[in-house]
Amino acid sequence: YSPELNLIEILWRRIKYEWIPFDAYSCFENLKERLAEVLTNFNGKYDIIF
């Protein structure tokens, strides 16, 4: 198993540690809102170059 080679693992790591602020984890509703915002703006505001 090599998570560093799995594209979805790379995306999730970027979302979890760089794009969603720590305070978004305070409640489930905040987390859902921030995750929806990131996924809606992926390849725009949020981008990964593989």
PDB file of N, CA and C in Angstrom:
ATOM      1  N   TYR A   1       0.838  -1.183   0.000  1.00  0.00           N
ATOM      2  CA  TYR A   1       0.000   0.000   0.000  1.00  0.00           C
ATOM      3  C   TYR A   1       0.879   1.240   0.000  1.00  0.00           C
ATOM      4  N   SER A   2       0.630   2.132  -0.944  1.00  0.00           N
ATOM      5  CA  SER A   2       1.439   3.350  -1.070  1.00  0.00           C
ATOM      6  C   SER A   2       0.529   4.572  -1.193  1.00  0.00           C
ATOM      7  N   PRO A   3       0.115   5.158  -0.077  1.00  0.00           N
ATOM      8  CA  PRO A   3      -0.801   6.295  -0.162  1.00  0.00           C
ATOM      9  C   PRO A   3      -0.212   7.489  -0.906  1.00  0.00           C
ATOM     10  N   GLU A   4       1.112   7.614  -0.910  1.00  0.00           N
ATOM     11  CA  GLU A   4       1.735   8.737  -1.614  1.00  0.00           C
ATOM     12  C   GLU A   4       1.610   8.617  -3.127  1.00  0.00           C
ATOM     13  N   LEU A   5       1.226   7.441  -3.635  1.00  0.00           N
ATOM     14  CA  LEU A   5       1.032   7.236  -5.068  1.00  0.00           C
ATOM     15  C   LEU A   5      -0.446   7.218  -5.466  1.00  0.00           C
ATOM     16  N   ASN A   6      -1.330   7.157  -4.497  1.00  0.00           N
ATOM     17  CA  ASN A   6      -2.762   7.087  -4.753  1.00  0.00           C
ATOM     18  C   ASN A   6      -3.308   8.513  -4.879  1.00  0.00           C
ATOM     19  N   LEU A   7      -3.889   8.852  -6.025  1.00  0.00           N
ATOM     20  CA  LEU A   7      -4.326  10.223  -6.282  1.00  0.00           C
ATOM     21  C   LEU A   7      -5.399  10.701  -5.307  1.00  0.00           C
ATOM     22  N   ILE A   8      -6.331   9.842  -4.934  1.00  0.00           N
ATOM     23  CA  ILE A   8      -7.370  10.271  -3.995  1.00  0.00           C
ATOM     24  C   ILE A   8      -6.779  10.523  -2.614  1.00  0.00           C
ATOM     25  N   GLU A   9      -5.762   9.773  -2.237  1.00  0.00           N
ATOM     26  CA  GLU A   9      -5.086  10.007  -0.953  1.00  0.00           C
ATOM     27  C   GLU A   9      -4.356  11.349  -0.969  1.00  0.00           C
ATOM     28  N   ILE A  10      -3.748  11.679  -2.085  1.00  0.00           N
ATOM     29  CA  ILE A  10      -3.066  12.970  -2.222  1.00  0.00           C
ATOM     30  C   ILE A  10      -4.081  14.104  -2.109  1.00  0.00           C
ATOM     31  N   LEU A  11      -5.217  13.956  -2.799  1.00  0.00           N
ATOM     32  CA  LEU A  11      -6.269  14.971  -2.730  1.00  0.00           C
ATOM     33  C   LEU A  11      -6.784  15.121  -1.304  1.00  0.00           C
ATOM     34  N   TRP A  12      -7.095  14.011  -0.650  1.00  0.00           N
ATOM     35  CA  TRP A  12      -7.621  14.083   0.711  1.00  0.00           C
ATOM     36  C   TRP A  12      -6.619  14.709   1.670  1.00  0.00           C
ATOM     37  N   ARG A  13      -5.338  14.383   1.533  1.00  0.00           N
ATOM     38  CA  ARG A  13      -4.308  14.971   2.397  1.00  0.00           C
ATOM     39  C   ARG A  13      -4.266  16.485   2.218  1.00  0.00           C
ATOM     40  N   ARG A  14      -4.348  16.939   0.976  1.00  0.00           N
ATOM     41  CA  ARG A  14      -4.334  18.379   0.704  1.00  0.00           C
ATOM     42  C   ARG A  14      -5.563  19.051   1.313  1.00  0.00           C
ATOM     43  N   ILE A  15      -6.737  18.424   1.140  1.00  0.00           N
ATOM     44  CA  ILE A  15      -7.969  18.979   1.717  1.00  0.00           C
ATOM     45  C   ILE A  15      -7.857  19.042   3.235  1.00  0.00           C
ATOM     46  N   LYS A  16      -7.441  17.948   3.826  1.00  0.00           N
ATOM     47  CA  LYS A  16      -7.429  17.812   5.286  1.00  0.00           C
ATOM     48  C   LYS A  16      -6.426  18.738   5.966  1.00  0.00           C
ATOM     49  N   TYR A  17      -5.229  18.863   5.403  1.00  0.00           N
ATOM     50  CA  TYR A  17      -4.172  19.590   6.097  1.00  0.00           C
ATOM     51  C   TYR A  17      -3.908  20.993   5.572  1.00  0.00           C
ATOM     52  N   GLU A  18      -4.378  21.325   4.375  1.00  0.00           N
ATOM     53  CA  GLU A  18      -4.046  22.634   3.816  1.00  0.00           C
ATOM     54  C   GLU A  18      -5.262  23.501   3.516  1.00  0.00           C
ATOM     55  N   TRP A  19      -6.347  22.924   3.060  1.00  0.00           N
ATOM     56  CA  TRP A  19      -7.468  23.725   2.577  1.00  0.00           C
ATOM     57  C   TRP A  19      -8.592  23.900   3.582  1.00  0.00           C
ATOM     58  N   ILE A  20      -8.727  23.005   4.526  1.00  0.00           N
ATOM     59  CA  ILE A  20      -9.775  23.139   5.542  1.00  0.00           C
ATOM     60  C   ILE A  20      -9.106  23.588   6.841  1.00  0.00           C
ATOM     61  N   PRO A  21      -9.524  24.743   7.367  1.00  0.00           N
ATOM     62  CA  PRO A  21      -8.900  25.224   8.603  1.00  0.00           C
ATOM     63  C   PRO A  21      -9.294  24.368   9.804  1.00  0.00           C
ATOM     64  N   PHE A  22      -8.482  24.436  10.820  1.00  0.00           N
ATOM     65  CA  PHE A  22      -8.679  23.610  12.005  1.00  0.00           C
ATOM     66  C   PHE A  22     -10.039  23.852  12.653  1.00  0.00           C
ATOM     67  N   ASP A  23     -10.517  25.085  12.673  1.00  0.00           N
ATOM     68  CA  ASP A  23     -11.789  25.377  13.336  1.00  0.00           C
ATOM     69  C   ASP A  23     -12.994  24.764  12.620  1.00  0.00           C
ATOM     70  N   ALA A  24     -12.836  24.322  11.388  1.00  0.00           N
ATOM     71  CA  ALA A  24     -13.933  23.671  10.664  1.00  0.00           C
ATOM     72  C   ALA A  24     -14.280  22.318  11.278  1.00  0.00           C
ATOM     73  N   TYR A  25     -13.365  21.751  12.040  1.00  0.00           N
ATOM     74  CA  TYR A  25     -13.600  20.451  12.666  1.00  0.00           C
ATOM     75  C   TYR A  25     -14.349  20.566  13.997  1.00  0.00           C
ATOM     76  N   SER A  26     -14.770  21.769  14.363  1.00  0.00           N
ATOM     77  CA  SER A  26     -15.442  21.961  15.651  1.00  0.00           C
ATOM     78  C   SER A  26     -16.824  21.310  15.692  1.00  0.00           C
ATOM     79  N   CYS A  27     -17.499  21.257  14.549  1.00  0.00           N
ATOM     80  CA  CYS A  27     -18.778  20.553  14.489  1.00  0.00           C
ATOM     81  C   CYS A  27     -18.978  20.015  13.072  1.00  0.00           C
ATOM     82  N   PHE A  28     -19.832  19.034  12.966  1.00  0.00           N
ATOM     83  CA  PHE A  28     -20.033  18.343  11.698  1.00  0.00           C
ATOM     84  C   PHE A  28     -20.573  19.275  10.618  1.00  0.00           C
ATOM     85  N   GLU A  29     -21.470  20.192  10.978  1.00  0.00           N
ATOM     86  CA  GLU A  29     -22.037  21.122   9.994  1.00  0.00           C
ATOM     87  C   GLU A  29     -20.956  22.020   9.398  1.00  0.00           C
ATOM     88  N   ASN A  30     -20.048  22.536  10.224  1.00  0.00           N
ATOM     89  CA  ASN A  30     -18.939  23.359   9.719  1.00  0.00           C
ATOM     90  C   ASN A  30     -18.068  22.559   8.766  1.00  0.00           C
ATOM     91  N   LEU A  31     -17.782  21.334   9.139  1.00  0.00           N
ATOM     92  CA  LEU A  31     -16.943  20.485   8.302  1.00  0.00           C
ATOM     93  C   LEU A  31     -17.607  20.221   6.958  1.00  0.00           C
ATOM     94  N   LYS A  32     -18.902  19.923   6.975  1.00  0.00           N
ATOM     95  CA  LYS A  32     -19.628  19.688   5.721  1.00  0.00           C
ATOM     96  C   LYS A  32     -19.604  20.923   4.828  1.00  0.00           C
ATOM     97  N   GLU A  33     -19.808  22.097   5.414  1.00  0.00           N
ATOM     98  CA  GLU A  33     -19.811  23.337   4.634  1.00  0.00           C
ATOM     99  C   GLU A  33     -18.450  23.601   3.999  1.00  0.00           C
ATOM    100  N   ARG A  34     -17.386  23.452   4.778  1.00  0.00           N
ATOM    101  CA  ARG A  34     -16.043  23.713   4.246  1.00  0.00           C
ATOM    102  C   ARG A  34     -15.654  22.689   3.196  1.00  0.00           C
ATOM    103  N   LEU A  35     -15.998  21.427   3.421  1.00  0.00           N
ATOM    104  CA  LEU A  35     -15.693  20.386   2.448  1.00  0.00           C
ATOM    105  C   LEU A  35     -16.458  20.627   1.152  1.00  0.00           C
ATOM    106  N   ALA A  36     -17.714  21.009   1.254  1.00  0.00           N
ATOM    107  CA  ALA A  36     -18.506  21.318   0.060  1.00  0.00           C
ATOM    108  C   ALA A  36     -17.900  22.495  -0.695  1.00  0.00           C
ATOM    109  N   GLU A  37     -17.428  23.498   0.031  1.00  0.00           N
ATOM    110  CA  GLU A  37     -16.807  24.665  -0.606  1.00  0.00           C
ATOM    111  C   GLU A  37     -15.534  24.272  -1.351  1.00  0.00           C
ATOM    112  N   VAL A  38     -14.717  23.431  -0.737  1.00  0.00           N
ATOM    113  CA  VAL A  38     -13.483  22.980  -1.384  1.00  0.00           C
ATOM    114  C   VAL A  38     -13.801  22.164  -2.630  1.00  0.00           C
ATOM    115  N   LEU A  39     -14.713  21.219  -2.517  1.00  0.00           N
ATOM    116  CA  LEU A  39     -15.024  20.358  -3.658  1.00  0.00           C
ATOM    117  C   LEU A  39     -15.707  21.127  -4.785  1.00  0.00           C
ATOM    118  N   THR A  40     -16.519  22.119  -4.452  1.00  0.00           N
ATOM    119  CA  THR A  40     -17.172  22.941  -5.470  1.00  0.00           C
ATOM    120  C   THR A  40     -16.152  23.776  -6.237  1.00  0.00           C
ATOM    121  N   ASN A  41     -15.120  24.242  -5.552  1.00  0.00           N
ATOM    122  CA  ASN A  41     -14.123  25.118  -6.167  1.00  0.00           C
ATOM    123  C   ASN A  41     -12.844  24.399  -6.579  1.00  0.00           C
ATOM    124  N   PHE A  42     -12.887  23.066  -6.598  1.00  0.00           N
ATOM    125  CA  PHE A  42     -11.709  22.312  -7.025  1.00  0.00           C
ATOM    126  C   PHE A  42     -11.441  22.589  -8.500  1.00  0.00           C
ATOM    127  N   ASN A  43     -10.185  22.709  -8.867  1.00  0.00           N
ATOM    128  CA  ASN A  43      -9.706  23.106 -10.197  1.00  0.00           C
ATOM    129  C   ASN A  43      -9.964  24.573 -10.476  1.00  0.00           C
ATOM    130  N   GLY A  44     -10.282  25.331  -9.466  1.00  0.00           N
ATOM    131  CA  GLY A  44     -10.419  26.771  -9.560  1.00  0.00           C
ATOM    132  C   GLY A  44      -9.538  27.374  -8.482  1.00  0.00           C
ATOM    133  N   LYS A  45     -10.182  27.686  -7.370  1.00  0.00           N
ATOM    134  CA  LYS A  45      -9.464  28.219  -6.211  1.00  0.00           C
ATOM    135  C   LYS A  45      -8.534  27.170  -5.602  1.00  0.00           C
ATOM    136  N   TYR A  46      -8.979  25.928  -5.617  1.00  0.00           N
ATOM    137  CA  TYR A  46      -8.193  24.819  -5.064  1.00  0.00           C
ATOM    138  C   TYR A  46      -7.732  23.936  -6.215  1.00  0.00           C
ATOM    139  N   ASP A  47      -6.439  23.718  -6.307  1.00  0.00           N
ATOM    140  CA  ASP A  47      -5.904  22.972  -7.442  1.00  0.00           C
ATOM    141  C   ASP A  47      -4.690  22.155  -7.014  1.00  0.00           C
ATOM    142  N   ILE A  48      -4.488  21.045  -7.693  1.00  0.00           N
ATOM    143  CA  ILE A  48      -3.321  20.188  -7.471  1.00  0.00           C
ATOM    144  C   ILE A  48      -2.687  19.924  -8.824  1.00  0.00           C
ATOM    145  N   ILE A  49      -1.396  20.069  -8.886  1.00  0.00           N
ATOM    146  CA  ILE A  49      -0.645  19.708 -10.087  1.00  0.00           C
ATOM    147  C   ILE A  49       0.012  18.359  -9.811  1.00  0.00           C
ATOM    148  N   PHE A  50      -0.410  17.338 -10.541  1.00  0.00           N
ATOM    149  CA  PHE A  50       0.165  16.002 -10.354  1.00  0.00           C
ATOM    150  C   PHE A  50       1.344  15.812 -11.268  1.00  0.00           C
TER     151      PHE A  50
END
